[in-house]
Amino acid sequence: MLVRGPLSVGEIAGRFTISPSAVSQHLKVLRTAKLVRARVAAQQRIYELDTEGLAEIESWLDGVGPLWQKRLEALQRERRLESRGRP
């Protein structure tokens, strides 16, 4: 939802059925993980995506992607062999 732009805690909480307190706890975890950042505007906290933190994740995924691709290809080969009635 933050892909579309910054939102206040109240706007974020209004989109969920959990309590505003629970939403705040989740946002704290996301802040700690550098996935979102908060700024204060008047009496509100405004949240937005943290592009630097997301870039770190993208870089990590680029490193493990080839490994997972090889494993998925091996799994697909095994499934094909099993479906052909491999001995």
Protein backbone atom coordinates (compact mmCIF):
# COMPACT_ATOMS: atom_id res chain seq x y z
CA MET A 1 0.00 0.00 0.00
CA LEU A 2 2.92 2.36 0.56
CA VAL A 3 3.96 1.83 -3.04
CA ARG A 4 1.30 4.39 -3.92
CA GLY A 5 2.76 6.94 -1.52
CA PRO A 6 3.21 7.87 2.13
CA LEU A 7 0.40 7.23 4.60
CA SER A 8 -0.25 8.18 8.20
CA VAL A 9 -0.53 5.50 10.87
CA GLY A 10 -4.27 6.15 11.02
CA GLU A 11 -4.67 5.67 7.27
CA ILE A 12 -2.70 2.43 7.43
CA ALA A 13 -4.60 1.16 10.48
CA GLY A 14 -7.93 1.95 8.81
CA ARG A 15 -7.20 -0.64 6.13
CA PHE A 16 -6.91 -3.52 8.60
CA THR A 17 -9.20 -5.25 11.05
CA ILE A 18 -6.52 -5.48 13.73
CA SER A 19 -6.17 -2.84 16.44
CA PRO A 20 -4.24 0.38 15.79
CA SER A 21 -1.83 -0.75 18.51
CA ALA A 22 -1.11 -3.96 16.60
CA VAL A 23 -0.57 -1.97 13.39
CA SER A 24 1.92 0.24 15.24
CA GLN A 25 3.79 -2.82 16.47
CA HIS A 26 4.01 -4.16 12.91
CA LEU A 27 5.22 -0.81 11.64
CA LYS A 28 7.91 -0.79 14.32
CA VAL A 29 9.16 -4.16 13.09
CA LEU A 30 9.17 -2.90 9.50
CA ARG A 31 11.09 0.22 10.60
CA THR A 32 13.65 -1.90 12.43
CA ALA A 33 14.06 -4.03 9.30
CA LYS A 34 14.59 -0.85 7.25
CA LEU A 35 11.60 -1.59 5.04
CA VAL A 36 9.72 1.61 5.97
CA ARG A 37 10.69 4.92 7.50
CA ALA A 38 8.64 7.38 9.48
CA ARG A 39 8.64 11.14 9.65
CA VAL A 40 6.70 13.40 11.94
CA ALA A 41 4.30 15.88 10.35
CA ALA A 42 2.45 18.00 12.91
CA GLN A 43 0.99 15.40 15.27
CA GLN A 44 1.10 12.48 12.84
CA ARG A 45 3.65 9.89 11.93
CA ILE A 46 3.84 9.46 8.17
CA TYR A 47 5.21 6.18 6.83
CA GLU A 48 6.83 5.56 3.48
CA LEU A 49 8.87 2.80 1.92
CA ASP A 50 12.58 2.83 2.70
CA THR A 51 14.14 2.40 -0.73
CA GLU A 52 17.61 1.84 0.73
CA GLY A 53 16.41 -1.05 2.87
CA LEU A 54 14.48 -2.53 -0.05
CA ALA A 55 17.60 -2.25 -2.23
CA GLU A 56 19.50 -4.31 0.35
CA ILE A 57 16.88 -7.05 0.11
CA GLU A 58 16.95 -6.93 -3.69
CA SER A 59 20.73 -7.29 -3.65
CA TRP A 60 20.51 -10.27 -1.30
CA LEU A 61 17.85 -11.91 -3.46
CA ASP A 62 20.03 -11.43 -6.54
CA GLY A 63 22.69 -13.46 -4.74
CA VAL A 64 20.47 -16.35 -3.68
CA GLY A 65 18.25 -16.35 -6.78
CA PRO A 66 20.55 -18.48 -8.94
CA LEU A 67 20.88 -21.07 -6.17
CA TRP A 68 17.11 -21.36 -5.81
CA GLN A 69 16.69 -21.47 -9.59
CA LYS A 70 19.00 -24.51 -9.77
CA ARG A 71 17.08 -26.23 -6.98
CA LEU A 72 13.71 -25.54 -8.61
CA GLU A 73 14.98 -26.87 -11.93
CA ALA A 74 16.20 -30.04 -10.20
CA LEU A 75 12.80 -30.45 -8.54
CA GLN A 76 11.04 -30.04 -11.89
CA ARG A 77 13.30 -32.71 -13.43
CA GLU A 78 12.48 -35.11 -10.59
CA ARG A 79 8.75 -34.50 -10.98
CA ARG A 80 8.94 -35.13 -14.72
CA LEU A 81 10.84 -38.37 -14.15
CA GLU A 82 8.32 -39.51 -11.54
CA SER A 83 5.37 -38.70 -13.81
CA ARG A 84 6.98 -40.84 -16.54
CA GLY A 85 7.19 -43.77 -14.17
CA ARG A 86 10.87 -43.72 -13.45
CA PRO A 87 12.13 -47.05 -12.08
